[in-house]
Amino acid sequence: MKLKKIICWPPLLGGIGAGTTIAILAYITFQSVLAGSVYGLWLAASFGSSVVVVFGYPDNEFAQPKNVIFGHLLCALVGIIFVIFFEISQDRTIFFLAIGLAVGLSVMLMMALKITHPPAGGNTIVVILTQDSFQYLIFPIMVGAATIVIGGIIYNRFILKKNYPLKWF
């Protein structure tokens, strides 16, 4: 009886789902035939936090597909807009103000559009630090976020028999 309790322990199950999804994203990024191509980047640092929310707390509003996908896209887009249109670079003396303003704008827009996904706020910072372009929106942000949502659906709904997602939009 105790073995079943250990095997069905929610933190263990959430960790397995999260770890498996990140391993898939890492494999595609570093080991698949796509590795080294413009289509090979499927992994972003913020995805580590996203899998905590999706696999650990699937009932949370922030774990729902629209929040995961659109939250990541919006925050990366805000970072790209700041890099391109405001010519933000790390050499400028106003860099710290610009990065703060960009993250604040990302949070405000996520809240206003009801697509808040806290891990996505990190995308704005990463985009500005790396000076990324619109390509970053598709690889890794769009495909990675979609992979996390698909993994969350497969794992939560079909394996754990949980009602996930609670809502699509």
N, C-alpha and C. Protein backbone atom coordinates (compact mmCIF):
# COMPACT_ATOMS: atom_id res chain seq x y z
N MET A 1 0.81 -1.20 0.00
CA MET A 1 0.00 0.00 0.00
C MET A 1 0.86 1.26 0.00
N LYS A 2 1.97 1.26 0.73
CA LYS A 2 2.81 2.44 0.77
C LYS A 2 3.47 2.72 -0.57
N LEU A 3 3.78 1.65 -1.33
CA LEU A 3 4.41 1.83 -2.64
C LEU A 3 3.48 2.60 -3.57
N LYS A 4 2.19 2.27 -3.52
CA LYS A 4 1.22 2.98 -4.35
C LYS A 4 1.15 4.45 -3.96
N LYS A 5 1.22 4.74 -2.65
CA LYS A 5 1.21 6.13 -2.18
C LYS A 5 2.43 6.89 -2.70
N ILE A 6 3.58 6.24 -2.70
CA ILE A 6 4.80 6.87 -3.18
C ILE A 6 4.72 7.11 -4.68
N ILE A 7 4.27 6.11 -5.42
CA ILE A 7 4.20 6.22 -6.88
C ILE A 7 3.17 7.27 -7.30
N CYS A 8 2.09 7.40 -6.55
CA CYS A 8 1.03 8.36 -6.88
C CYS A 8 1.17 9.70 -6.16
N TRP A 9 2.30 9.95 -5.55
CA TRP A 9 2.54 11.19 -4.82
C TRP A 9 2.55 12.35 -5.81
N PRO A 10 1.65 13.34 -5.67
CA PRO A 10 1.55 14.43 -6.65
C PRO A 10 2.87 15.15 -6.97
N PRO A 11 3.72 15.47 -5.97
CA PRO A 11 4.99 16.11 -6.34
C PRO A 11 5.87 15.23 -7.24
N LEU A 12 5.87 13.92 -7.00
CA LEU A 12 6.65 13.01 -7.86
C LEU A 12 6.08 12.99 -9.27
N LEU A 13 4.77 12.89 -9.38
CA LEU A 13 4.14 12.85 -10.69
C LEU A 13 4.34 14.16 -11.46
N GLY A 14 4.21 15.29 -10.75
CA GLY A 14 4.45 16.58 -11.39
C GLY A 14 5.89 16.72 -11.86
N GLY A 15 6.82 16.24 -11.05
CA GLY A 15 8.24 16.28 -11.43
C GLY A 15 8.54 15.42 -12.64
N ILE A 16 7.91 14.26 -12.71
CA ILE A 16 8.12 13.37 -13.86
C ILE A 16 7.60 14.02 -15.14
N GLY A 17 6.40 14.59 -15.08
CA GLY A 17 5.83 15.25 -16.26
C GLY A 17 6.66 16.44 -16.69
N ALA A 18 7.07 17.27 -15.73
CA ALA A 18 7.88 18.45 -16.03
C ALA A 18 9.23 18.05 -16.61
N GLY A 19 9.88 17.09 -15.97
CA GLY A 19 11.19 16.65 -16.43
C GLY A 19 11.15 16.04 -17.82
N THR A 20 10.12 15.26 -18.08
CA THR A 20 9.98 14.63 -19.40
C THR A 20 9.79 15.69 -20.49
N THR A 21 8.95 16.67 -20.22
CA THR A 21 8.71 17.72 -21.22
C THR A 21 9.96 18.55 -21.49
N ILE A 22 10.68 18.92 -20.45
CA ILE A 22 11.93 19.68 -20.65
C ILE A 22 12.97 18.82 -21.37
N ALA A 23 13.02 17.54 -21.05
CA ALA A 23 13.96 16.64 -21.73
C ALA A 23 13.65 16.56 -23.22
N ILE A 24 12.37 16.53 -23.58
CA ILE A 24 11.98 16.51 -24.99
C ILE A 24 12.42 17.81 -25.68
N LEU A 25 12.16 18.95 -25.04
CA LEU A 25 12.58 20.23 -25.62
C LEU A 25 14.10 20.30 -25.75
N ALA A 26 14.82 19.81 -24.75
CA ALA A 26 16.29 19.82 -24.80
C ALA A 26 16.79 18.87 -25.89
N TYR A 27 16.18 17.72 -26.03
CA TYR A 27 16.59 16.78 -27.08
C TYR A 27 16.43 17.41 -28.46
N ILE A 28 15.26 18.00 -28.71
CA ILE A 28 15.03 18.63 -30.01
C ILE A 28 16.04 19.75 -30.25
N THR A 29 16.36 20.51 -29.20
CA THR A 29 17.29 21.63 -29.33
C THR A 29 18.72 21.17 -29.57
N PHE A 30 19.17 20.12 -28.88
CA PHE A 30 20.58 19.77 -28.91
C PHE A 30 20.95 18.46 -29.63
N GLN A 31 20.00 17.55 -29.81
CA GLN A 31 20.35 16.24 -30.34
C GLN A 31 19.61 15.83 -31.61
N SER A 32 18.51 16.47 -31.93
CA SER A 32 17.71 16.04 -33.07
C SER A 32 18.32 16.53 -34.38
N VAL A 33 17.70 16.12 -35.47
CA VAL A 33 18.16 16.57 -36.79
C VAL A 33 17.99 18.08 -36.95
N LEU A 34 17.15 18.68 -36.11
CA LEU A 34 16.94 20.12 -36.16
C LEU A 34 18.03 20.91 -35.44
N ALA A 35 18.79 20.23 -34.57
CA ALA A 35 19.83 20.90 -33.78
C ALA A 35 20.80 21.61 -34.71
N GLY A 36 21.14 22.82 -34.36
CA GLY A 36 22.09 23.58 -35.17
C GLY A 36 21.46 24.32 -36.33
N SER A 37 20.16 24.13 -36.56
CA SER A 37 19.47 24.84 -37.63
C SER A 37 18.67 25.99 -37.02
N VAL A 38 18.07 26.79 -37.88
CA VAL A 38 17.24 27.89 -37.37
C VAL A 38 15.98 27.36 -36.72
N TYR A 39 15.67 26.08 -36.94
CA TYR A 39 14.48 25.46 -36.35
C TYR A 39 14.82 24.64 -35.11
N GLY A 40 16.05 24.70 -34.67
CA GLY A 40 16.50 23.82 -33.61
C GLY A 40 16.35 24.34 -32.20
N LEU A 41 16.09 25.62 -32.02
CA LEU A 41 16.00 26.16 -30.66
C LEU A 41 14.57 26.03 -30.16
N TRP A 42 14.33 25.06 -29.26
CA TRP A 42 13.00 24.84 -28.70
C TRP A 42 13.00 25.07 -27.19
N LEU A 43 14.12 25.44 -26.62
CA LEU A 43 14.26 25.53 -25.18
C LEU A 43 14.59 26.96 -24.77
N ALA A 44 13.86 27.45 -23.77
CA ALA A 44 14.12 28.77 -23.20
C ALA A 44 14.16 28.61 -21.69
N ALA A 45 14.94 29.43 -21.02
CA ALA A 45 15.09 29.32 -19.57
C ALA A 45 13.75 29.45 -18.84
N SER A 46 12.88 30.31 -19.35
CA SER A 46 11.59 30.52 -18.69
C SER A 46 10.70 29.29 -18.71
N PHE A 47 11.00 28.34 -19.60
CA PHE A 47 10.19 27.13 -19.67
C PHE A 47 10.37 26.25 -18.43
N GLY A 48 11.49 26.37 -17.75
CA GLY A 48 11.67 25.64 -16.50
C GLY A 48 10.61 26.02 -15.48
N SER A 49 10.31 27.30 -15.41
CA SER A 49 9.26 27.77 -14.49
C SER A 49 7.87 27.42 -15.01
N SER A 50 7.71 27.44 -16.32
CA SER A 50 6.40 27.13 -16.90
C SER A 50 5.96 25.70 -16.60
N VAL A 51 6.90 24.76 -16.66
CA VAL A 51 6.52 23.38 -16.37
C VAL A 51 6.16 23.19 -14.89
N VAL A 52 6.72 24.02 -14.01
CA VAL A 52 6.33 23.96 -12.59
C VAL A 52 4.84 24.28 -12.49
N VAL A 53 4.41 25.32 -13.18
CA VAL A 53 3.01 25.75 -13.13
C VAL A 53 2.10 24.73 -13.81
N VAL A 54 2.43 24.31 -15.02
CA VAL A 54 1.56 23.43 -15.81
C VAL A 54 1.46 22.03 -15.20
N PHE A 55 2.58 21.48 -14.74
CA PHE A 55 2.56 20.11 -14.22
C PHE A 55 2.32 20.05 -12.71
N GLY A 56 2.72 21.07 -11.99
CA GLY A 56 2.54 21.07 -10.54
C GLY A 56 1.21 21.65 -10.09
N TYR A 57 0.69 22.61 -10.84
CA TYR A 57 -0.53 23.32 -10.45
C TYR A 57 -1.45 23.50 -11.65
N PRO A 58 -1.87 22.41 -12.29
CA PRO A 58 -2.65 22.53 -13.53
C PRO A 58 -4.01 23.19 -13.36
N ASP A 59 -4.50 23.28 -12.12
CA ASP A 59 -5.79 23.94 -11.89
C ASP A 59 -5.66 25.46 -11.80
N ASN A 60 -4.45 25.95 -11.71
CA ASN A 60 -4.21 27.37 -11.57
C ASN A 60 -4.51 28.09 -12.89
N GLU A 61 -5.06 29.29 -12.78
CA GLU A 61 -5.36 30.09 -13.97
C GLU A 61 -4.11 30.32 -14.83
N PHE A 62 -2.97 30.51 -14.17
CA PHE A 62 -1.73 30.79 -14.89
C PHE A 62 -1.22 29.59 -15.69
N ALA A 63 -1.76 28.39 -15.43
CA ALA A 63 -1.33 27.17 -16.11
C ALA A 63 -2.17 26.85 -17.34
N GLN A 64 -3.19 27.64 -17.60
CA GLN A 64 -4.08 27.34 -18.72
C GLN A 64 -3.41 27.70 -20.05
N PRO A 65 -3.75 26.95 -21.12
CA PRO A 65 -3.07 27.12 -22.41
C PRO A 65 -2.97 28.56 -22.91
N LYS A 66 -4.05 29.33 -22.83
CA LYS A 66 -3.98 30.71 -23.35
C LYS A 66 -2.96 31.53 -22.58
N ASN A 67 -2.87 31.30 -21.27
CA ASN A 67 -1.90 32.04 -20.47
C ASN A 67 -0.48 31.63 -20.81
N VAL A 68 -0.25 30.33 -20.95
CA VAL A 68 1.10 29.84 -21.24
C VAL A 68 1.57 30.35 -22.60
N ILE A 69 0.77 30.12 -23.62
CA ILE A 69 1.18 30.46 -24.98
C ILE A 69 1.23 31.98 -25.20
N PHE A 70 0.13 32.66 -24.89
CA PHE A 70 0.08 34.09 -25.17
C PHE A 70 0.92 34.91 -24.20
N GLY A 71 1.05 34.45 -22.96
CA GLY A 71 1.93 35.13 -22.01
C GLY A 71 3.37 35.12 -22.49
N HIS A 72 3.84 33.94 -22.94
CA HIS A 72 5.21 33.84 -23.46
C HIS A 72 5.39 34.69 -24.72
N LEU A 73 4.44 34.60 -25.64
CA LEU A 73 4.55 35.38 -26.88
C LEU A 73 4.57 36.88 -26.61
N LEU A 74 3.67 37.35 -25.78
CA LEU A 74 3.58 38.77 -25.50
C LEU A 74 4.87 39.31 -24.87
N CYS A 75 5.38 38.61 -23.87
CA CYS A 75 6.58 39.10 -23.18
C CYS A 75 7.81 39.09 -24.09
N ALA A 76 7.94 38.07 -24.92
CA ALA A 76 9.05 38.05 -25.87
C ALA A 76 8.89 39.18 -26.89
N LEU A 77 7.67 39.41 -27.34
CA LEU A 77 7.41 40.48 -28.30
C LEU A 77 7.74 41.85 -27.73
N VAL A 78 7.38 42.10 -26.49
CA VAL A 78 7.71 43.38 -25.86
C VAL A 78 9.22 43.56 -25.83
N GLY A 79 9.95 42.53 -25.46
CA GLY A 79 11.42 42.61 -25.46
C GLY A 79 11.98 42.91 -26.83
N ILE A 80 11.44 42.25 -27.86
CA ILE A 80 11.90 42.47 -29.23
C ILE A 80 11.59 43.89 -29.69
N ILE A 81 10.42 44.38 -29.36
CA ILE A 81 10.05 45.76 -29.72
C ILE A 81 11.02 46.75 -29.08
N PHE A 82 11.36 46.54 -27.83
CA PHE A 82 12.32 47.43 -27.16
C PHE A 82 13.69 47.35 -27.82
N VAL A 83 14.13 46.16 -28.18
CA VAL A 83 15.45 46.00 -28.81
C VAL A 83 15.47 46.69 -30.17
N ILE A 84 14.45 46.46 -30.98
CA ILE A 84 14.44 46.97 -32.35
C ILE A 84 14.07 48.46 -32.44
N PHE A 85 12.96 48.82 -31.86
CA PHE A 85 12.44 50.17 -32.06
C PHE A 85 13.06 51.21 -31.14
N PHE A 86 13.50 50.80 -29.98
CA PHE A 86 14.11 51.75 -29.06
C PHE A 86 15.63 51.60 -29.02
N GLU A 87 16.16 50.70 -29.85
CA GLU A 87 17.60 50.47 -29.97
C GLU A 87 18.28 50.33 -28.61
N ILE A 88 17.71 49.46 -27.81
CA ILE A 88 18.26 49.21 -26.47
C ILE A 88 19.48 48.32 -26.60
N SER A 89 20.56 48.74 -26.05
CA SER A 89 21.75 47.91 -26.00
C SER A 89 22.33 47.98 -24.59
N GLN A 90 23.12 46.99 -24.24
CA GLN A 90 23.68 46.92 -22.90
C GLN A 90 24.74 47.99 -22.65
N ASP A 91 25.21 48.66 -23.69
CA ASP A 91 26.25 49.66 -23.55
C ASP A 91 25.71 51.03 -23.10
N ARG A 92 24.44 51.22 -23.27
CA ARG A 92 23.86 52.52 -22.95
C ARG A 92 23.66 52.69 -21.45
N THR A 93 23.71 53.90 -21.02
CA THR A 93 23.54 54.19 -19.60
C THR A 93 22.08 54.06 -19.16
N ILE A 94 21.14 54.08 -20.09
CA ILE A 94 19.73 53.95 -19.74
C ILE A 94 19.24 52.51 -19.80
N PHE A 95 20.16 51.58 -20.01
CA PHE A 95 19.77 50.18 -20.16
C PHE A 95 18.93 49.68 -19.00
N PHE A 96 19.34 49.98 -17.78
CA PHE A 96 18.62 49.49 -16.61
C PHE A 96 17.20 50.04 -16.55
N LEU A 97 17.01 51.27 -16.99
CA LEU A 97 15.66 51.84 -17.02
C LEU A 97 14.80 51.18 -18.10
N ALA A 98 15.41 50.96 -19.25
CA ALA A 98 14.67 50.36 -20.37
C ALA A 98 14.23 48.93 -20.05
N ILE A 99 15.11 48.15 -19.45
CA ILE A 99 14.75 46.77 -19.13
C ILE A 99 13.66 46.74 -18.06
N GLY A 100 13.72 47.63 -17.10
CA GLY A 100 12.67 47.73 -16.09
C GLY A 100 11.34 48.15 -16.70
N LEU A 101 11.39 49.13 -17.59
CA LEU A 101 10.18 49.59 -18.27
C LEU A 101 9.57 48.47 -19.12
N ALA A 102 10.41 47.73 -19.83
CA ALA A 102 9.93 46.65 -20.69
C ALA A 102 9.26 45.54 -19.87
N VAL A 103 9.86 45.16 -18.77
CA VAL A 103 9.26 44.12 -17.92
C VAL A 103 7.95 44.64 -17.31
N GLY A 104 7.97 45.88 -16.84
CA GLY A 104 6.74 46.47 -16.30
C GLY A 104 5.61 46.51 -17.32
N LEU A 105 5.94 46.86 -18.56
CA LEU A 105 4.96 46.89 -19.64
C LEU A 105 4.45 45.48 -19.92
N SER A 106 5.34 44.49 -19.91
CA SER A 106 4.94 43.10 -20.13
C SER A 106 3.94 42.64 -19.08
N VAL A 107 4.23 42.95 -17.84
CA VAL A 107 3.34 42.55 -16.73
C VAL A 107 1.99 43.25 -16.87
N MET A 108 2.02 44.55 -17.15
CA MET A 108 0.78 45.31 -17.30
C MET A 108 -0.07 44.73 -18.43
N LEU A 109 0.54 44.44 -19.57
CA LEU A 109 -0.22 43.91 -20.71
C LEU A 109 -0.76 42.52 -20.44
N MET A 110 0.04 41.66 -19.80
CA MET A 110 -0.46 40.33 -19.46
C MET A 110 -1.68 40.43 -18.55
N MET A 111 -1.60 41.30 -17.56
CA MET A 111 -2.72 41.46 -16.63
C MET A 111 -3.94 42.05 -17.33
N ALA A 112 -3.73 43.06 -18.15
CA ALA A 112 -4.84 43.73 -18.84
C ALA A 112 -5.53 42.79 -19.83
N LEU A 113 -4.74 41.94 -20.49
CA LEU A 113 -5.28 41.01 -21.49
C LEU A 113 -5.71 39.68 -20.89
N LYS A 114 -5.54 39.54 -19.57
CA LYS A 114 -5.91 38.32 -18.84
C LYS A 114 -5.20 37.09 -19.39
N ILE A 115 -3.90 37.25 -19.64
CA ILE A 115 -3.06 36.13 -20.11
C ILE A 115 -1.81 36.01 -19.25
N THR A 116 -1.96 36.32 -17.97
CA THR A 116 -0.81 36.29 -17.07
C THR A 116 -0.24 34.89 -16.92
N HIS A 117 1.03 34.78 -17.16
CA HIS A 117 1.80 33.55 -16.93
C HIS A 117 3.14 34.02 -16.36
N PRO A 118 3.29 34.01 -15.02
CA PRO A 118 4.47 34.61 -14.39
C PRO A 118 5.82 34.22 -15.00
N PRO A 119 6.06 32.96 -15.37
CA PRO A 119 7.37 32.64 -15.94
C PRO A 119 7.69 33.41 -17.23
N ALA A 120 6.66 33.81 -17.95
CA ALA A 120 6.86 34.50 -19.23
C ALA A 120 7.55 35.84 -19.06
N GLY A 121 7.43 36.46 -17.90
CA GLY A 121 8.09 37.74 -17.67
C GLY A 121 9.60 37.68 -17.89
N GLY A 122 10.17 36.52 -17.69
CA GLY A 122 11.61 36.35 -17.93
C GLY A 122 11.99 36.48 -19.39
N ASN A 123 11.05 36.22 -20.30
CA ASN A 123 11.35 36.33 -21.73
C ASN A 123 11.76 37.74 -22.11
N THR A 124 11.10 38.73 -21.53
CA THR A 124 11.42 40.12 -21.84
C THR A 124 12.88 40.40 -21.50
N ILE A 125 13.31 39.95 -20.34
CA ILE A 125 14.69 40.17 -19.91
C ILE A 125 15.68 39.46 -20.83
N VAL A 126 15.40 38.18 -21.12
CA VAL A 126 16.31 37.39 -21.97
C VAL A 126 16.43 38.00 -23.35
N VAL A 127 15.32 38.42 -23.93
CA VAL A 127 15.35 39.01 -25.27
C VAL A 127 16.20 40.27 -25.29
N ILE A 128 16.05 41.11 -24.29
CA ILE A 128 16.83 42.35 -24.25
C ILE A 128 18.30 42.06 -23.99
N LEU A 129 18.59 41.12 -23.10
CA LEU A 129 20.00 40.79 -22.83
C LEU A 129 20.70 40.18 -24.03
N THR A 130 19.97 39.36 -24.79
CA THR A 130 20.58 38.68 -25.94
C THR A 130 20.39 39.43 -27.25
N GLN A 131 19.59 40.53 -27.19
CA GLN A 131 19.32 41.34 -28.39
C GLN A 131 18.70 40.48 -29.49
N ASP A 132 17.72 39.65 -29.13
CA ASP A 132 17.09 38.73 -30.08
C ASP A 132 16.16 39.44 -31.04
N SER A 133 15.73 38.68 -32.07
CA SER A 133 14.88 39.22 -33.13
C SER A 133 13.54 38.47 -33.16
N PHE A 134 12.74 38.77 -34.18
CA PHE A 134 11.42 38.16 -34.32
C PHE A 134 11.48 36.65 -34.47
N GLN A 135 12.59 36.11 -34.95
CA GLN A 135 12.75 34.65 -35.06
C GLN A 135 12.55 33.98 -33.71
N TYR A 136 12.92 34.64 -32.64
CA TYR A 136 12.81 34.11 -31.27
C TYR A 136 11.36 33.85 -30.89
N LEU A 137 10.42 34.59 -31.50
CA LEU A 137 9.00 34.37 -31.20
C LEU A 137 8.54 32.98 -31.62
N ILE A 138 9.08 32.49 -32.74
CA ILE A 138 8.67 31.17 -33.23
C ILE A 138 9.51 30.09 -32.58
N PHE A 139 10.83 30.20 -32.71
CA PHE A 139 11.76 29.23 -32.11
C PHE A 139 12.62 29.97 -31.11
N PRO A 140 12.47 29.79 -29.85
CA PRO A 140 11.81 28.71 -29.14
C PRO A 140 10.44 29.02 -28.56
N ILE A 141 10.02 30.29 -28.54
CA ILE A 141 8.85 30.66 -27.73
C ILE A 141 7.57 29.95 -28.16
N MET A 142 7.15 30.11 -29.38
CA MET A 142 5.87 29.52 -29.82
C MET A 142 5.89 28.00 -29.77
N VAL A 143 6.90 27.39 -30.38
CA VAL A 143 6.92 25.92 -30.42
C VAL A 143 7.18 25.33 -29.04
N GLY A 144 8.00 25.99 -28.25
CA GLY A 144 8.27 25.49 -26.90
C GLY A 144 7.05 25.59 -26.00
N ALA A 145 6.36 26.73 -26.02
CA ALA A 145 5.16 26.90 -25.20
C ALA A 145 4.07 25.92 -25.64
N ALA A 146 3.92 25.73 -26.94
CA ALA A 146 2.93 24.77 -27.44
C ALA A 146 3.29 23.35 -27.00
N THR A 147 4.56 23.01 -27.01
CA THR A 147 5.01 21.70 -26.56
C THR A 147 4.68 21.49 -25.08
N ILE A 148 4.89 22.51 -24.28
CA ILE A 148 4.57 22.42 -22.85
C ILE A 148 3.07 22.21 -22.66
N VAL A 149 2.25 22.93 -23.39
CA VAL A 149 0.79 22.78 -23.28
C VAL A 149 0.37 21.38 -23.73
N ILE A 150 0.90 20.92 -24.85
CA ILE A 150 0.56 19.57 -25.34
C ILE A 150 1.01 18.51 -24.32
N GLY A 151 2.22 18.67 -23.80
CA GLY A 151 2.69 17.75 -22.76
C GLY A 151 1.81 17.80 -21.53
N GLY A 152 1.38 18.99 -21.14
CA GLY A 152 0.48 19.14 -20.00
C GLY A 152 -0.86 18.47 -20.23
N ILE A 153 -1.40 18.57 -21.43
CA ILE A 153 -2.67 17.92 -21.75
C ILE A 153 -2.51 16.40 -21.71
N ILE A 154 -1.49 15.90 -22.39
CA ILE A 154 -1.27 14.45 -22.41
C ILE A 154 -1.08 13.93 -20.99
N TYR A 155 -0.23 14.58 -20.24
CA TYR A 155 0.11 14.09 -18.91
C TYR A 155 -1.04 14.24 -17.92
N ASN A 156 -1.61 15.45 -17.83
CA ASN A 156 -2.67 15.69 -16.85
C ASN A 156 -3.99 15.02 -17.20
N ARG A 157 -4.40 15.14 -18.44
CA ARG A 157 -5.71 14.63 -18.84
C ARG A 157 -5.70 13.12 -19.07
N PHE A 158 -4.71 12.65 -19.81
CA PHE A 158 -4.75 11.25 -20.22
C PHE A 158 -4.03 10.29 -19.28
N ILE A 159 -3.00 10.74 -18.61
CA ILE A 159 -2.28 9.85 -17.70
C ILE A 159 -2.82 9.99 -16.27
N LEU A 160 -2.93 11.23 -15.78
CA LEU A 160 -3.39 11.44 -14.40
C LEU A 160 -4.92 11.55 -14.29
N LYS A 161 -5.59 11.63 -15.43
CA LYS A 161 -7.06 11.74 -15.47
C LYS A 161 -7.57 13.00 -14.76
N LYS A 162 -6.80 14.09 -14.86
CA LYS A 162 -7.23 15.38 -14.32
C LYS A 162 -7.91 16.17 -15.42
N ASN A 163 -8.74 17.10 -15.02
CA ASN A 163 -9.42 17.97 -15.98
C ASN A 163 -8.48 19.12 -16.35
N TYR A 164 -7.67 18.91 -17.37
CA TYR A 164 -6.77 19.95 -17.85
C TYR A 164 -6.84 19.97 -19.36
N PRO A 165 -6.98 21.10 -19.95
CA PRO A 165 -7.11 22.42 -19.35
C PRO A 165 -8.53 22.65 -18.82
N LEU A 166 -8.61 23.53 -17.84
CA LEU A 166 -9.93 23.89 -17.30
C LEU A 166 -10.69 24.75 -18.29
N LYS A 167 -9.95 25.58 -19.03
CA LYS A 167 -10.56 26.41 -20.08
C LYS A 167 -9.50 26.71 -21.12
N TRP A 168 -9.96 26.89 -22.34
CA TRP A 168 -9.04 27.22 -23.44
C TRP A 168 -8.90 28.72 -23.57
N PHE A 169 -10.00 29.44 -23.52
CA PHE A 169 -9.96 30.91 -23.68
C PHE A 169 -10.82 31.60 -22.68
